[in-house]
Amino acid sequence: MRRFRSLTELLDEAEHVVSDPVHHRNIPKRPVPPKLAYMAKNMSRYKKKHPGLNMAQVAKKLAKKYDKLPEEKKMNCVRKYTIELNEYSRRKHDFCIDNNLPIPRKSGSKRSAPKDGGEGHSKDEGLPEKPPP
């Protein structure tokens, strides 16, 4: 197997990527979570008030400020995010239909078998007995 491609192969692949509608910019983008949206909204204002802080410190301070917000304001941010997420899901579904792509399934909690085998099963069931010391 080769680990490199010729220029003609690269050009063919680039042509395919550009002509393929899936790789265009009209793919819906997932909305920003509430905490990050709050931080992005207040980042420049907080940075102007505290010019001595670097971006990581500003981000930490804003994250703490968000955590201290009253529940009503947090719920307002979460409500906006939920509305945007539903809109995103609808647009993504429509995009997949328009471009003949598989429709994404709703992600949920995947159920897995309990580690101990479930009710009525012993962890050591089916294993040979330990030899005597």
N, C-alpha and C. Protein backbone atom coordinates (compact mmCIF):
# COMPACT_ATOMS: atom_id res chain seq x y z
N MET A 1 0.82 -1.18 0.00
CA MET A 1 0.00 0.00 0.00
C MET A 1 0.87 1.25 0.00
N ARG A 2 0.43 2.23 -0.78
CA ARG A 2 1.17 3.48 -0.81
C ARG A 2 0.66 4.41 0.28
N ARG A 3 1.54 5.22 0.78
CA ARG A 3 1.15 6.21 1.77
C ARG A 3 1.10 7.61 1.16
N PHE A 4 1.19 7.70 -0.14
CA PHE A 4 1.15 8.99 -0.80
C PHE A 4 0.30 8.85 -2.06
N ARG A 5 -0.12 10.00 -2.59
CA ARG A 5 -0.93 10.00 -3.81
C ARG A 5 -0.30 10.94 -4.83
N SER A 6 -0.55 10.62 -6.07
CA SER A 6 -0.02 11.48 -7.13
C SER A 6 -0.87 12.75 -7.21
N LEU A 7 -0.36 13.72 -7.96
CA LEU A 7 -1.07 14.98 -8.10
C LEU A 7 -2.42 14.77 -8.80
N THR A 8 -2.47 13.92 -9.79
CA THR A 8 -3.75 13.68 -10.49
C THR A 8 -4.77 13.06 -9.54
N GLU A 9 -4.32 12.15 -8.67
CA GLU A 9 -5.25 11.55 -7.70
C GLU A 9 -5.77 12.59 -6.71
N LEU A 10 -4.87 13.48 -6.27
CA LEU A 10 -5.29 14.54 -5.36
C LEU A 10 -6.29 15.48 -6.03
N LEU A 11 -6.04 15.82 -7.28
CA LEU A 11 -6.95 16.71 -8.01
C LEU A 11 -8.31 16.05 -8.21
N ASP A 12 -8.31 14.75 -8.54
CA ASP A 12 -9.58 14.04 -8.70
C ASP A 12 -10.37 14.04 -7.40
N GLU A 13 -9.68 13.79 -6.30
CA GLU A 13 -10.36 13.78 -5.00
C GLU A 13 -10.87 15.17 -4.64
N ALA A 14 -10.07 16.20 -4.90
CA ALA A 14 -10.50 17.57 -4.60
C ALA A 14 -11.70 17.95 -5.44
N GLU A 15 -11.71 17.55 -6.70
CA GLU A 15 -12.84 17.84 -7.58
C GLU A 15 -14.11 17.16 -7.06
N HIS A 16 -13.96 15.94 -6.59
CA HIS A 16 -15.11 15.21 -6.05
C HIS A 16 -15.63 15.88 -4.78
N VAL A 17 -14.73 16.31 -3.90
CA VAL A 17 -15.13 16.94 -2.65
C VAL A 17 -15.85 18.26 -2.92
N VAL A 18 -15.36 19.04 -3.86
CA VAL A 18 -15.97 20.32 -4.17
C VAL A 18 -17.33 20.13 -4.83
N SER A 19 -17.47 19.13 -5.68
CA SER A 19 -18.73 18.93 -6.37
C SER A 19 -19.77 18.22 -5.50
N ASP A 20 -19.35 17.58 -4.42
CA ASP A 20 -20.25 16.85 -3.55
C ASP A 20 -20.98 17.83 -2.63
N PRO A 21 -22.33 17.88 -2.64
CA PRO A 21 -23.05 18.87 -1.84
C PRO A 21 -22.90 18.66 -0.33
N VAL A 22 -22.50 17.49 0.09
CA VAL A 22 -22.35 17.23 1.52
C VAL A 22 -21.23 18.07 2.11
N HIS A 23 -20.23 18.38 1.33
CA HIS A 23 -19.08 19.13 1.82
C HIS A 23 -19.25 20.64 1.68
N HIS A 24 -20.42 21.09 1.29
CA HIS A 24 -20.62 22.52 1.13
C HIS A 24 -20.93 23.16 2.46
N ARG A 25 -20.97 24.46 2.48
CA ARG A 25 -21.13 25.20 3.72
C ARG A 25 -22.57 25.24 4.21
N ASN A 26 -23.51 24.66 3.50
CA ASN A 26 -24.89 24.75 3.93
C ASN A 26 -25.29 23.63 4.89
N ILE A 27 -24.33 22.90 5.41
CA ILE A 27 -24.61 21.89 6.41
C ILE A 27 -24.98 22.62 7.70
N PRO A 28 -26.10 22.25 8.33
CA PRO A 28 -26.48 22.93 9.57
C PRO A 28 -25.44 22.73 10.67
N LYS A 29 -25.22 23.77 11.43
CA LYS A 29 -24.26 23.71 12.54
C LYS A 29 -25.02 23.53 13.85
N ARG A 30 -24.46 22.71 14.70
CA ARG A 30 -25.07 22.45 16.01
C ARG A 30 -25.00 23.73 16.85
N PRO A 31 -26.06 24.05 17.62
CA PRO A 31 -26.04 25.27 18.43
C PRO A 31 -25.04 25.16 19.58
N VAL A 32 -24.61 26.30 20.05
CA VAL A 32 -23.63 26.37 21.13
C VAL A 32 -24.36 26.11 22.46
N PRO A 33 -23.79 25.27 23.33
CA PRO A 33 -24.43 25.02 24.64
C PRO A 33 -24.58 26.31 25.45
N PRO A 34 -25.53 26.33 26.40
CA PRO A 34 -25.84 27.57 27.13
C PRO A 34 -24.65 28.22 27.82
N LYS A 35 -23.83 27.43 28.48
CA LYS A 35 -22.70 28.00 29.21
C LYS A 35 -21.71 28.66 28.26
N LEU A 36 -21.43 28.00 27.14
CA LEU A 36 -20.49 28.57 26.17
C LEU A 36 -21.08 29.80 25.48
N ALA A 37 -22.39 29.79 25.24
CA ALA A 37 -23.03 30.96 24.64
C ALA A 37 -22.93 32.17 25.57
N TYR A 38 -23.15 31.94 26.85
CA TYR A 38 -23.02 33.01 27.85
C TYR A 38 -21.59 33.55 27.86
N MET A 39 -20.63 32.64 27.85
CA MET A 39 -19.22 33.04 27.88
C MET A 39 -18.85 33.83 26.63
N ALA A 40 -19.29 33.38 25.47
CA ALA A 40 -18.96 34.07 24.23
C ALA A 40 -19.59 35.46 24.19
N LYS A 41 -20.81 35.56 24.71
CA LYS A 41 -21.52 36.83 24.70
C LYS A 41 -20.83 37.87 25.58
N ASN A 42 -20.27 37.43 26.70
CA ASN A 42 -19.68 38.35 27.67
C ASN A 42 -18.16 38.43 27.62
N MET A 43 -17.53 37.66 26.75
CA MET A 43 -16.07 37.56 26.71
C MET A 43 -15.40 38.91 26.45
N SER A 44 -15.79 39.61 25.40
CA SER A 44 -15.09 40.85 25.04
C SER A 44 -15.30 41.94 26.10
N ARG A 45 -16.51 42.02 26.64
CA ARG A 45 -16.79 43.02 27.66
C ARG A 45 -15.95 42.76 28.92
N TYR A 46 -15.87 41.49 29.32
CA TYR A 46 -15.10 41.14 30.52
C TYR A 46 -13.60 41.36 30.28
N LYS A 47 -13.16 41.06 29.06
CA LYS A 47 -11.73 41.24 28.72
C LYS A 47 -11.36 42.73 28.75
N LYS A 48 -12.29 43.61 28.33
CA LYS A 48 -12.02 45.05 28.38
C LYS A 48 -11.93 45.55 29.81
N LYS A 49 -12.77 45.01 30.69
CA LYS A 49 -12.75 45.43 32.09
C LYS A 49 -11.50 44.93 32.82
N HIS A 50 -11.00 43.78 32.40
CA HIS A 50 -9.84 43.16 33.05
C HIS A 50 -8.76 42.87 32.01
N PRO A 51 -8.03 43.90 31.55
CA PRO A 51 -7.05 43.70 30.48
C PRO A 51 -5.84 42.87 30.89
N GLY A 52 -5.57 42.73 32.17
CA GLY A 52 -4.40 41.99 32.62
C GLY A 52 -4.58 40.47 32.55
N LEU A 53 -5.81 40.00 32.36
CA LEU A 53 -6.07 38.56 32.33
C LEU A 53 -5.90 38.00 30.92
N ASN A 54 -5.38 36.79 30.84
CA ASN A 54 -5.33 36.16 29.52
C ASN A 54 -6.67 35.46 29.26
N MET A 55 -6.84 34.92 28.07
CA MET A 55 -8.14 34.36 27.66
C MET A 55 -8.56 33.17 28.52
N ALA A 56 -7.60 32.35 28.94
CA ALA A 56 -7.94 31.19 29.76
C ALA A 56 -8.48 31.65 31.12
N GLN A 57 -7.86 32.68 31.70
CA GLN A 57 -8.33 33.19 32.98
C GLN A 57 -9.71 33.83 32.85
N VAL A 58 -9.92 34.56 31.75
CA VAL A 58 -11.23 35.17 31.51
C VAL A 58 -12.29 34.09 31.36
N ALA A 59 -11.96 33.02 30.64
CA ALA A 59 -12.92 31.93 30.46
C ALA A 59 -13.27 31.28 31.79
N LYS A 60 -12.28 31.07 32.65
CA LYS A 60 -12.54 30.48 33.97
C LYS A 60 -13.44 31.38 34.81
N LYS A 61 -13.16 32.67 34.79
CA LYS A 61 -13.96 33.63 35.57
C LYS A 61 -15.40 33.65 35.06
N LEU A 62 -15.57 33.66 33.74
CA LEU A 62 -16.92 33.69 33.18
C LEU A 62 -17.66 32.39 33.46
N ALA A 63 -16.96 31.27 33.46
CA ALA A 63 -17.60 29.99 33.79
C ALA A 63 -18.10 30.01 35.23
N LYS A 64 -17.31 30.57 36.12
CA LYS A 64 -17.73 30.67 37.52
C LYS A 64 -18.92 31.62 37.65
N LYS A 65 -18.89 32.73 36.89
CA LYS A 65 -20.01 33.68 36.92
C LYS A 65 -21.29 33.00 36.43
N TYR A 66 -21.17 32.19 35.39
CA TYR A 66 -22.35 31.48 34.88
C TYR A 66 -22.90 30.52 35.93
N ASP A 67 -22.00 29.83 36.62
CA ASP A 67 -22.45 28.89 37.65
C ASP A 67 -23.16 29.60 38.80
N LYS A 68 -22.80 30.86 39.05
CA LYS A 68 -23.42 31.62 40.13
C LYS A 68 -24.69 32.35 39.69
N LEU A 69 -25.03 32.31 38.42
CA LEU A 69 -26.24 32.98 37.95
C LEU A 69 -27.47 32.39 38.62
N PRO A 70 -28.53 33.20 38.79
CA PRO A 70 -29.77 32.66 39.33
C PRO A 70 -30.35 31.61 38.36
N GLU A 71 -31.09 30.68 38.92
CA GLU A 71 -31.65 29.59 38.11
C GLU A 71 -32.56 30.10 36.99
N GLU A 72 -33.25 31.21 37.22
CA GLU A 72 -34.14 31.76 36.20
C GLU A 72 -33.36 32.14 34.94
N LYS A 73 -32.22 32.81 35.13
CA LYS A 73 -31.41 33.22 33.97
C LYS A 73 -30.80 32.01 33.27
N LYS A 74 -30.37 31.02 34.07
CA LYS A 74 -29.84 29.80 33.46
C LYS A 74 -30.92 29.10 32.65
N MET A 75 -32.12 29.02 33.23
CA MET A 75 -33.22 28.35 32.52
C MET A 75 -33.58 29.09 31.23
N ASN A 76 -33.45 30.41 31.24
CA ASN A 76 -33.69 31.18 30.03
C ASN A 76 -32.68 30.79 28.94
N CYS A 77 -31.40 30.66 29.34
CA CYS A 77 -30.36 30.24 28.39
C CYS A 77 -30.64 28.82 27.89
N VAL A 78 -31.03 27.95 28.80
CA VAL A 78 -31.31 26.55 28.43
C VAL A 78 -32.52 26.49 27.50
N ARG A 79 -33.53 27.31 27.77
CA ARG A 79 -34.73 27.34 26.92
C ARG A 79 -34.36 27.76 25.50
N LYS A 80 -33.53 28.81 25.38
CA LYS A 80 -33.09 29.26 24.06
C LYS A 80 -32.32 28.16 23.34
N TYR A 81 -31.45 27.48 24.09
CA TYR A 81 -30.66 26.40 23.52
C TYR A 81 -31.56 25.27 23.04
N THR A 82 -32.58 24.93 23.81
CA THR A 82 -33.50 23.86 23.42
C THR A 82 -34.23 24.21 22.13
N ILE A 83 -34.66 25.45 22.02
CA ILE A 83 -35.34 25.89 20.80
C ILE A 83 -34.39 25.80 19.61
N GLU A 84 -33.16 26.28 19.79
CA GLU A 84 -32.16 26.22 18.71
C GLU A 84 -31.82 24.77 18.35
N LEU A 85 -31.77 23.89 19.34
CA LEU A 85 -31.45 22.49 19.10
C LEU A 85 -32.57 21.81 18.31
N ASN A 86 -33.81 22.13 18.63
CA ASN A 86 -34.93 21.57 17.86
C ASN A 86 -34.91 22.06 16.42
N GLU A 87 -34.60 23.35 16.25
CA GLU A 87 -34.50 23.92 14.90
C GLU A 87 -33.36 23.26 14.13
N TYR A 88 -32.23 23.04 14.81
CA TYR A 88 -31.08 22.38 14.20
C TYR A 88 -31.45 20.96 13.75
N SER A 89 -32.15 20.24 14.60
CA SER A 89 -32.55 18.87 14.26
C SER A 89 -33.45 18.86 13.02
N ARG A 90 -34.37 19.81 12.96
CA ARG A 90 -35.27 19.90 11.81
C ARG A 90 -34.49 20.21 10.53
N ARG A 91 -33.56 21.19 10.63
CA ARG A 91 -32.77 21.57 9.45
C ARG A 91 -31.85 20.43 9.02
N LYS A 92 -31.29 19.72 9.97
CA LYS A 92 -30.41 18.60 9.63
C LYS A 92 -31.20 17.49 8.95
N HIS A 93 -32.39 17.22 9.45
CA HIS A 93 -33.26 16.22 8.84
C HIS A 93 -33.58 16.61 7.40
N ASP A 94 -33.97 17.87 7.20
CA ASP A 94 -34.29 18.36 5.85
C ASP A 94 -33.06 18.29 4.94
N PHE A 95 -31.90 18.65 5.47
CA PHE A 95 -30.67 18.60 4.68
C PHE A 95 -30.38 17.18 4.23
N CYS A 96 -30.55 16.23 5.12
CA CYS A 96 -30.27 14.83 4.78
C CYS A 96 -31.24 14.33 3.71
N ILE A 97 -32.49 14.72 3.82
CA ILE A 97 -33.48 14.31 2.81
C ILE A 97 -33.14 14.94 1.46
N ASP A 98 -32.81 16.23 1.46
CA ASP A 98 -32.50 16.94 0.21
C ASP A 98 -31.26 16.38 -0.48
N ASN A 99 -30.31 15.86 0.29
CA ASN A 99 -29.05 15.38 -0.29
C ASN A 99 -28.95 13.86 -0.32
N ASN A 100 -30.07 13.19 -0.17
CA ASN A 100 -30.12 11.72 -0.22
C ASN A 100 -29.11 11.07 0.73
N LEU A 101 -29.05 11.58 1.94
CA LEU A 101 -28.18 11.03 2.97
C LEU A 101 -29.02 10.24 3.97
N PRO A 102 -28.39 9.31 4.69
CA PRO A 102 -29.17 8.61 5.71
C PRO A 102 -29.62 9.59 6.79
N ILE A 103 -30.86 9.45 7.20
CA ILE A 103 -31.42 10.33 8.22
C ILE A 103 -30.82 9.94 9.56
N PRO A 104 -30.26 10.91 10.28
CA PRO A 104 -29.63 10.58 11.57
C PRO A 104 -30.68 10.14 12.58
N ARG A 105 -30.33 9.10 13.31
CA ARG A 105 -31.23 8.62 14.36
C ARG A 105 -31.07 9.49 15.58
N LYS A 106 -32.12 9.56 16.36
CA LYS A 106 -32.04 10.33 17.59
C LYS A 106 -31.10 9.61 18.54
N SER A 107 -30.17 10.36 19.09
CA SER A 107 -29.24 9.75 20.02
C SER A 107 -29.89 9.74 21.40
N GLY A 108 -29.79 8.62 22.02
CA GLY A 108 -30.34 8.48 23.36
C GLY A 108 -29.42 7.61 24.16
N SER A 109 -29.85 7.27 25.32
CA SER A 109 -29.01 6.41 26.14
C SER A 109 -29.04 5.01 25.56
N LYS A 110 -27.87 4.48 25.34
CA LYS A 110 -27.78 3.12 24.82
C LYS A 110 -27.86 2.17 25.99
N ARG A 111 -28.78 1.24 25.89
CA ARG A 111 -28.94 0.29 26.97
C ARG A 111 -27.93 -0.82 26.80
N SER A 112 -27.28 -1.13 27.88
CA SER A 112 -26.31 -2.22 27.84
C SER A 112 -26.61 -3.17 28.98
N ALA A 113 -26.16 -4.37 28.82
CA ALA A 113 -26.39 -5.37 29.85
C ALA A 113 -25.61 -4.98 31.10
N PRO A 114 -26.19 -5.21 32.27
CA PRO A 114 -25.46 -4.91 33.50
C PRO A 114 -24.17 -5.70 33.58
N LYS A 115 -23.18 -5.12 34.22
CA LYS A 115 -21.87 -5.77 34.29
C LYS A 115 -21.92 -7.08 35.06
N ASP A 116 -22.83 -7.15 36.04
CA ASP A 116 -22.88 -8.36 36.85
C ASP A 116 -23.78 -9.44 36.23
N GLY A 117 -24.29 -9.20 35.03
CA GLY A 117 -25.11 -10.19 34.36
C GLY A 117 -26.59 -10.03 34.63
N GLY A 118 -26.97 -9.10 35.44
CA GLY A 118 -28.37 -8.85 35.70
C GLY A 118 -28.86 -9.58 36.93
N GLU A 119 -30.17 -9.52 37.11
CA GLU A 119 -30.77 -10.12 38.29
C GLU A 119 -30.74 -11.63 38.19
N GLY A 120 -30.40 -12.30 39.27
CA GLY A 120 -30.42 -13.76 39.31
C GLY A 120 -29.17 -14.41 38.76
N HIS A 121 -28.20 -13.64 38.36
CA HIS A 121 -26.97 -14.20 37.81
C HIS A 121 -25.81 -13.86 38.73
N SER A 122 -25.01 -14.83 38.99
CA SER A 122 -23.83 -14.61 39.80
C SER A 122 -22.68 -14.21 38.90
N LYS A 123 -21.80 -13.39 39.43
CA LYS A 123 -20.65 -12.95 38.65
C LYS A 123 -19.73 -14.12 38.31
N ASP A 124 -19.66 -15.09 39.20
CA ASP A 124 -18.75 -16.22 39.02
C ASP A 124 -19.43 -17.43 38.39
N GLU A 125 -20.69 -17.27 37.97
CA GLU A 125 -21.41 -18.41 37.40
C GLU A 125 -20.75 -18.86 36.11
N GLY A 126 -20.54 -20.17 35.99
CA GLY A 126 -19.94 -20.73 34.79
C GLY A 126 -18.43 -20.84 34.86
N LEU A 127 -17.82 -20.28 35.89
CA LEU A 127 -16.37 -20.37 36.06
C LEU A 127 -16.04 -21.56 36.95
N PRO A 128 -14.90 -22.22 36.72
CA PRO A 128 -14.52 -23.33 37.57
C PRO A 128 -14.20 -22.83 38.99
N GLU A 129 -14.35 -23.73 39.97
CA GLU A 129 -14.04 -23.38 41.35
C GLU A 129 -12.55 -23.14 41.50
N LYS A 130 -12.21 -22.33 42.50
CA LYS A 130 -10.79 -22.05 42.76
C LYS A 130 -10.15 -23.30 43.33
N PRO A 131 -8.90 -23.58 42.94
CA PRO A 131 -8.22 -24.74 43.48
C PRO A 131 -7.88 -24.52 44.96
N PRO A 132 -7.76 -25.60 45.73
CA PRO A 132 -7.41 -25.43 47.15
C PRO A 132 -6.00 -24.89 47.29
N PRO A 133 -5.72 -24.15 48.38
CA PRO A 133 -4.38 -23.56 48.55
C PRO A 133 -3.31 -24.56 48.85
